[in-house]
Amino acid sequence: MKSQHSIPAAVYWLVIALAVLWGVSWPLMKLALVEMQPLRFRVFCVGVGGFGLLGVCWAMRAPLAVSRDAFLKIAGVALFSAVGWSLCMAYGLRMMESSRAVIIAYMFPVWSVPLSAWLLREPLTSRRMLGLVAGLVGLALLMGDEIYAVGRSPLGALLMFGTATCWAVSTILAKMWSVKVPASTFAAWVNLCALLLLLPLSLWLEEGPFLPFGLSTGPMLGALYAAVVASLICQWIWFRLIAVTTASVASISILSVPIVGVFSGLALLAEQPKLTDMLALLLVVVALASVMLPGKSLPAKS
């Protein structure tokens, strides 16, 4: 018999890939935003992600066309996961250090776990509550006395909370509507819907290049990583993760992303991790174990 808390084996690899690839992307995105305007940076990212994923669909012979009803649902998810998230993240990240920004951005399980219990009728088990609390305490430890720095940048912090909220809402919508298309097709159209909305905004509000090839080496590499890895590969992994597990488990399981984000930032700055950093890492491991390790099997029904 399968466990009540059984998690598909593929989920473990998806979570590890997201933690590493998305975690490293935060200091690199911060680097790219030094020389690129926020909306134009995001237009480049969602453009590469959208058209790149269409190429993946074509190579895998996955269906590209979607019904009108499916397209409207995908556009609704994109409004929060790509457009709202992009606007809040790009401007908020400019105002804060990447290590602080990633901590606040990945507080979205605070919203997605109770929302999934309310709207999706997912069980709010004691293990999930333990995972949520442990993960959030770990993030709070990472924040530490940086809360004073956040207080000095209230608009940046507010925008990053907006990032977390948009991501939580999009996670619930993606699971609730459950559009029956492959993850690559879904992620491609999410990015392309975002492109249709962000491109006119960027033309109206900003000036500067859409492509990073004229930038200095660091910002150019940061923009390319954000587009190819974070917006193409990680978007596909995330929507695949939502498809194969519950919204609450998916949300809690990637609490490891800010851990990687903080430690990659420390590595780039040649700083030593503090005791609170190590305690936070332990708590996030507890959070992951509480939702991903199998529980007791249910007795067989006659």
Protein backbone atom coordinates (compact mmCIF):
# COMPACT_ATOMS: atom_id res chain seq x y z
CA MET A 1 0.00 0.00 0.00
CA LYS A 2 1.16 3.56 -0.73
CA SER A 3 1.64 5.90 2.19
CA GLN A 4 -0.81 8.62 2.90
CA HIS A 5 2.08 11.04 2.60
CA SER A 6 3.70 9.28 -0.37
CA ILE A 7 5.71 11.64 -2.56
CA PRO A 8 6.68 10.63 -6.12
CA ALA A 9 10.42 9.99 -6.40
CA ALA A 10 10.74 12.59 -9.17
CA VAL A 11 9.62 15.31 -6.75
CA TYR A 12 12.86 15.02 -4.76
CA TRP A 13 14.96 15.73 -7.85
CA LEU A 14 12.68 18.58 -8.89
CA VAL A 15 13.01 20.20 -5.46
CA ILE A 16 16.82 19.84 -5.44
CA ALA A 17 17.07 21.32 -8.93
CA LEU A 18 14.83 24.27 -8.02
CA ALA A 19 16.67 24.95 -4.76
CA VAL A 20 20.04 25.16 -6.48
CA LEU A 21 19.09 26.83 -9.76
CA TRP A 22 16.60 29.36 -8.39
CA GLY A 23 18.69 30.03 -5.28
CA VAL A 24 21.77 30.99 -7.28
CA SER A 25 19.68 33.18 -9.58
CA TRP A 26 18.96 35.85 -6.92
CA PRO A 27 22.44 37.40 -6.56
CA LEU A 28 22.84 37.07 -10.35
CA MET A 29 19.54 38.90 -11.00
CA LYS A 30 20.68 41.62 -8.61
CA LEU A 31 23.85 41.91 -10.67
CA ALA A 32 21.91 42.19 -13.94
CA LEU A 33 19.67 44.94 -12.55
CA VAL A 34 22.71 47.16 -11.94
CA GLU A 35 22.80 47.92 -15.69
CA MET A 36 19.35 46.95 -16.98
CA GLN A 37 16.01 48.63 -16.34
CA PRO A 38 13.72 46.30 -14.31
CA LEU A 39 10.88 45.87 -16.82
CA ARG A 40 13.22 45.51 -19.79
CA PHE A 41 15.17 42.91 -17.86
CA ARG A 42 11.96 40.98 -17.21
CA VAL A 43 10.83 41.33 -20.85
CA PHE A 44 14.11 39.71 -21.91
CA CYS A 45 13.68 36.91 -19.34
CA VAL A 46 10.06 36.02 -20.14
CA GLY A 47 10.73 36.33 -23.88
CA VAL A 48 13.61 33.86 -23.74
CA GLY A 49 11.61 31.62 -21.39
CA GLY A 50 8.47 31.69 -23.52
CA PHE A 51 10.00 31.15 -26.95
CA GLY A 52 12.59 28.74 -25.54
CA LEU A 53 9.84 26.60 -24.02
CA LEU A 54 7.93 26.66 -27.30
CA GLY A 55 11.09 25.21 -28.85
CA VAL A 56 11.16 22.52 -26.15
CA CYS A 57 7.51 21.68 -26.89
CA TRP A 58 8.25 21.43 -30.60
CA ALA A 59 11.29 19.19 -30.01
CA MET A 60 9.30 16.94 -27.65
CA ARG A 61 6.28 17.00 -29.99
CA ALA A 62 4.16 18.33 -27.15
CA PRO A 63 0.94 20.13 -28.13
CA LEU A 64 1.36 23.88 -28.61
CA ALA A 65 -2.27 24.84 -29.15
CA VAL A 66 -4.60 25.32 -26.18
CA SER A 67 -8.34 25.87 -26.03
CA ARG A 68 -9.80 29.31 -25.38
CA ASP A 69 -10.85 28.29 -21.88
CA ALA A 70 -7.37 26.92 -21.11
CA PHE A 71 -5.72 30.06 -22.49
CA LEU A 72 -7.82 32.30 -20.23
CA LYS A 73 -6.84 30.21 -17.20
CA ILE A 74 -3.17 30.30 -18.18
CA ALA A 75 -3.41 34.08 -18.64
CA GLY A 76 -4.91 34.34 -15.14
CA VAL A 77 -1.98 32.41 -13.66
CA ALA A 78 0.46 34.53 -15.71
CA LEU A 79 -1.06 37.75 -14.38
CA PHE A 80 0.16 36.80 -10.91
CA SER A 81 3.11 34.41 -11.46
CA ALA A 82 4.85 36.36 -14.22
CA VAL A 83 3.47 39.91 -14.44
CA GLY A 84 2.73 40.77 -10.78
CA TRP A 85 5.76 38.78 -9.64
CA SER A 86 8.01 40.45 -12.23
CA LEU A 87 6.93 43.98 -11.36
CA CYS A 88 7.29 43.51 -7.60
CA MET A 89 10.50 41.47 -7.79
CA ALA A 90 12.43 43.60 -10.27
CA TYR A 91 11.80 46.91 -8.52
CA GLY A 92 12.01 45.45 -4.99
CA LEU A 93 15.30 43.67 -5.68
CA ARG A 94 16.81 46.94 -6.87
CA MET A 95 16.09 48.49 -3.46
CA MET A 96 17.39 45.63 -1.29
CA GLU A 97 20.29 43.22 -1.06
CA SER A 98 19.53 39.91 -2.76
CA SER A 99 19.93 37.90 0.49
CA ARG A 100 17.21 39.95 2.18
CA ALA A 101 14.94 40.03 -0.86
CA VAL A 102 14.97 36.26 -1.41
CA ILE A 103 14.04 35.64 2.24
CA ILE A 104 10.93 37.80 2.01
CA ALA A 105 9.97 36.55 -1.47
CA TYR A 106 9.95 32.93 -0.31
CA MET A 107 7.58 33.56 2.56
CA PHE A 108 4.74 32.74 0.15
CA PRO A 109 3.91 29.43 1.91
CA VAL A 110 2.44 31.66 4.66
CA TRP A 111 -0.34 32.38 2.16
CA SER A 112 -0.38 29.31 -0.09
CA VAL A 113 -0.68 26.64 2.62
CA PRO A 114 -3.85 28.06 4.28
CA LEU A 115 -5.25 29.06 0.87
CA SER A 116 -4.78 25.52 -0.44
CA ALA A 117 -6.57 24.15 2.62
CA TRP A 118 -9.45 26.59 2.07
CA LEU A 119 -9.83 26.61 -1.72
CA LEU A 120 -8.41 23.22 -2.73
CA ARG A 121 -9.57 21.30 0.35
CA GLU A 122 -6.04 19.97 0.86
CA PRO A 123 -5.64 18.50 4.37
CA LEU A 124 -3.85 20.85 6.76
CA THR A 125 -2.05 18.04 8.56
CA SER A 126 0.13 18.41 11.63
CA ARG A 127 3.18 17.51 9.54
CA ARG A 128 2.49 20.29 7.07
CA MET A 129 1.96 22.76 9.89
CA LEU A 130 5.25 21.63 11.44
CA GLY A 131 6.98 22.07 8.09
CA LEU A 132 5.49 25.53 7.59
CA VAL A 133 6.41 26.73 11.09
CA ALA A 134 9.94 25.26 10.95
CA GLY A 135 10.60 26.79 7.56
CA LEU A 136 9.34 30.22 8.55
CA VAL A 137 11.34 30.22 11.79
CA GLY A 138 14.38 29.33 9.71
CA LEU A 139 13.73 32.26 7.40
CA ALA A 140 13.22 34.53 10.41
CA LEU A 141 16.64 33.46 11.75
CA LEU A 142 18.17 34.28 8.39
CA MET A 143 16.53 37.69 8.55
CA GLY A 144 17.99 38.27 12.04
CA ASP A 145 19.05 41.83 12.64
CA GLU A 146 18.66 42.48 8.91
CA ILE A 147 15.10 43.46 9.88
CA TYR A 148 16.51 46.88 10.70
CA ALA A 149 17.90 47.18 7.19
CA VAL A 150 14.50 46.15 5.81
CA GLY A 151 13.01 48.92 7.93
CA ARG A 152 15.30 51.36 6.17
CA SER A 153 13.90 50.21 2.83
CA PRO A 154 10.15 49.87 3.51
CA LEU A 155 9.12 50.16 -0.14
CA GLY A 156 11.56 47.43 -1.19
CA ALA A 157 10.27 45.14 1.58
CA LEU A 158 6.66 45.89 0.64
CA LEU A 159 7.35 45.03 -2.99
CA MET A 160 8.98 41.74 -2.00
CA PHE A 161 5.94 40.87 0.14
CA GLY A 162 3.92 41.58 -3.01
CA THR A 163 6.18 39.13 -4.83
CA ALA A 164 5.40 36.43 -2.24
CA THR A 165 1.67 37.12 -2.43
CA CYS A 166 1.56 36.99 -6.24
CA TRP A 167 3.44 33.68 -6.25
CA ALA A 168 1.11 32.15 -3.65
CA VAL A 169 -2.02 33.17 -5.58
CA SER A 170 -0.61 31.87 -8.86
CA THR A 171 0.26 28.52 -7.23
CA ILE A 172 -3.29 28.09 -5.98
CA LEU A 173 -4.80 29.10 -9.34
CA ALA A 174 -2.53 26.72 -11.28
CA LYS A 175 -3.56 23.83 -9.04
CA MET A 176 -7.25 24.79 -8.80
CA TRP A 177 -7.79 25.21 -12.55
CA SER A 178 -5.52 22.25 -13.45
CA VAL A 179 -5.23 22.94 -17.19
CA LYS A 180 -4.69 19.60 -18.94
CA VAL A 181 -1.57 20.45 -20.93
CA PRO A 182 2.08 19.40 -20.47
CA ALA A 183 4.15 21.50 -18.04
CA SER A 184 6.32 22.79 -20.91
CA THR A 185 3.27 24.05 -22.83
CA PHE A 186 1.78 25.62 -19.70
CA ALA A 187 5.03 27.39 -18.76
CA ALA A 188 5.59 28.58 -22.35
CA TRP A 189 2.20 30.29 -22.54
CA VAL A 190 2.59 31.77 -19.05
CA ASN A 191 5.79 33.47 -20.17
CA LEU A 192 4.32 34.61 -23.49
CA CYS A 193 1.22 36.07 -21.81
CA ALA A 194 3.55 37.99 -19.50
CA LEU A 195 5.53 39.21 -22.51
CA LEU A 196 2.37 40.65 -24.10
CA LEU A 197 1.68 42.68 -20.94
CA LEU A 198 5.21 43.64 -19.87
CA LEU A 199 6.49 44.76 -23.30
CA PRO A 200 4.11 47.73 -23.72
CA LEU A 201 4.68 48.75 -20.08
CA SER A 202 8.45 48.71 -20.53
CA LEU A 203 8.22 50.77 -23.76
CA TRP A 204 6.04 53.32 -21.98
CA LEU A 205 7.89 53.61 -18.66
CA GLU A 206 11.55 52.89 -19.36
CA GLU A 207 14.47 53.44 -21.70
CA GLY A 208 17.48 51.27 -22.32
CA PRO A 209 18.40 47.94 -23.92
CA PHE A 210 16.19 44.85 -23.99
CA LEU A 211 19.17 42.61 -24.73
CA PRO A 212 22.11 42.23 -22.34
CA PHE A 213 24.89 41.75 -24.87
CA GLY A 214 26.13 45.35 -24.63
CA LEU A 215 26.46 45.18 -20.84
CA SER A 216 29.60 44.53 -18.87
CA THR A 217 30.47 40.89 -18.24
CA GLY A 218 28.89 40.38 -14.80
CA PRO A 219 25.46 41.91 -15.55
CA MET A 220 25.37 40.21 -18.96
CA LEU A 221 26.02 36.76 -17.46
CA GLY A 222 23.47 37.46 -14.72
CA ALA A 223 20.79 38.39 -17.27
CA LEU A 224 21.53 35.34 -19.43
CA TYR A 225 21.33 33.03 -16.41
CA ALA A 226 18.07 34.62 -15.28
CA ALA A 227 16.55 34.17 -18.73
CA VAL A 228 17.75 30.71 -19.71
CA VAL A 229 17.92 28.98 -16.33
CA ALA A 230 15.49 30.82 -14.02
CA SER A 231 12.79 31.72 -16.57
CA LEU A 232 13.02 28.71 -18.89
CA ILE A 233 14.30 25.66 -17.03
CA CYS A 234 13.03 26.56 -13.53
CA GLN A 235 9.61 27.66 -14.77
CA TRP A 236 9.15 24.26 -16.38
CA ILE A 237 10.33 22.49 -13.21
CA TRP A 238 7.98 24.54 -11.00
CA PHE A 239 4.83 23.86 -13.02
CA ARG A 240 5.81 20.20 -13.27
CA LEU A 241 6.19 20.13 -9.48
CA ILE A 242 2.71 21.62 -9.01
CA ALA A 243 1.30 19.02 -11.41
CA VAL A 244 2.72 15.98 -9.57
CA THR A 245 2.15 17.01 -5.95
CA THR A 246 -0.16 19.19 -3.84
CA ALA A 247 0.08 22.98 -3.78
CA SER A 248 0.98 23.06 -0.08
CA VAL A 249 3.72 20.42 -0.40
CA ALA A 250 5.15 22.20 -3.44
CA SER A 251 5.15 25.53 -1.60
CA ILE A 252 6.80 24.23 1.57
CA SER A 253 9.30 22.06 -0.31
CA ILE A 254 11.02 24.98 -2.01
CA LEU A 255 11.69 26.82 1.25
CA SER A 256 15.22 25.60 0.56
CA VAL A 257 15.56 28.13 -2.28
CA PRO A 258 16.29 31.14 -0.01
CA ILE A 259 18.86 29.06 1.89
CA VAL A 260 20.77 28.55 -1.36
CA GLY A 261 20.16 32.20 -2.26
CA VAL A 262 21.62 33.46 1.01
CA PHE A 263 24.61 31.14 0.98
CA SER A 264 25.40 31.84 -2.68
CA GLY A 265 25.32 35.53 -1.83
CA LEU A 266 27.71 34.89 1.07
CA ALA A 267 30.00 32.96 -1.26
CA LEU A 268 30.07 35.73 -3.83
CA LEU A 269 30.89 38.24 -1.09
CA ALA A 270 33.50 35.94 0.54
CA GLU A 271 31.69 36.16 3.90
CA GLN A 272 31.52 33.48 6.59
CA PRO A 273 28.10 32.00 7.55
CA LYS A 274 26.87 32.84 11.06
CA LEU A 275 25.53 30.41 13.65
CA THR A 276 22.01 31.64 12.85
CA ASP A 277 22.58 30.69 9.20
CA MET A 278 23.41 27.11 10.22
CA LEU A 279 20.38 26.92 12.56
CA ALA A 280 18.17 28.21 9.75
CA LEU A 281 19.53 25.53 7.44
CA LEU A 282 18.68 22.86 10.04
CA LEU A 283 15.11 24.17 10.40
CA VAL A 284 14.55 24.18 6.66
CA VAL A 285 15.77 20.57 6.51
CA VAL A 286 13.16 19.78 9.19
CA ALA A 287 10.54 21.58 7.10
CA LEU A 288 11.44 19.57 4.01
CA ALA A 289 11.49 16.27 5.90
CA SER A 290 8.09 16.91 7.49
CA VAL A 291 6.33 17.19 4.14
CA MET A 292 8.44 14.93 1.91
CA LEU A 293 9.35 11.88 3.96
CA PRO A 294 6.69 9.13 3.84
CA GLY A 295 4.43 8.74 6.85
CA LYS A 296 2.66 5.72 8.23
CA SER A 297 0.79 3.57 5.77
CA LEU A 298 -2.97 3.45 5.95
CA PRO A 299 -4.52 0.09 6.83
CA ALA A 300 -5.82 -1.78 3.84
CA LYS A 301 -9.56 -1.49 3.26
CA SER A 302 -11.56 -4.67 2.99
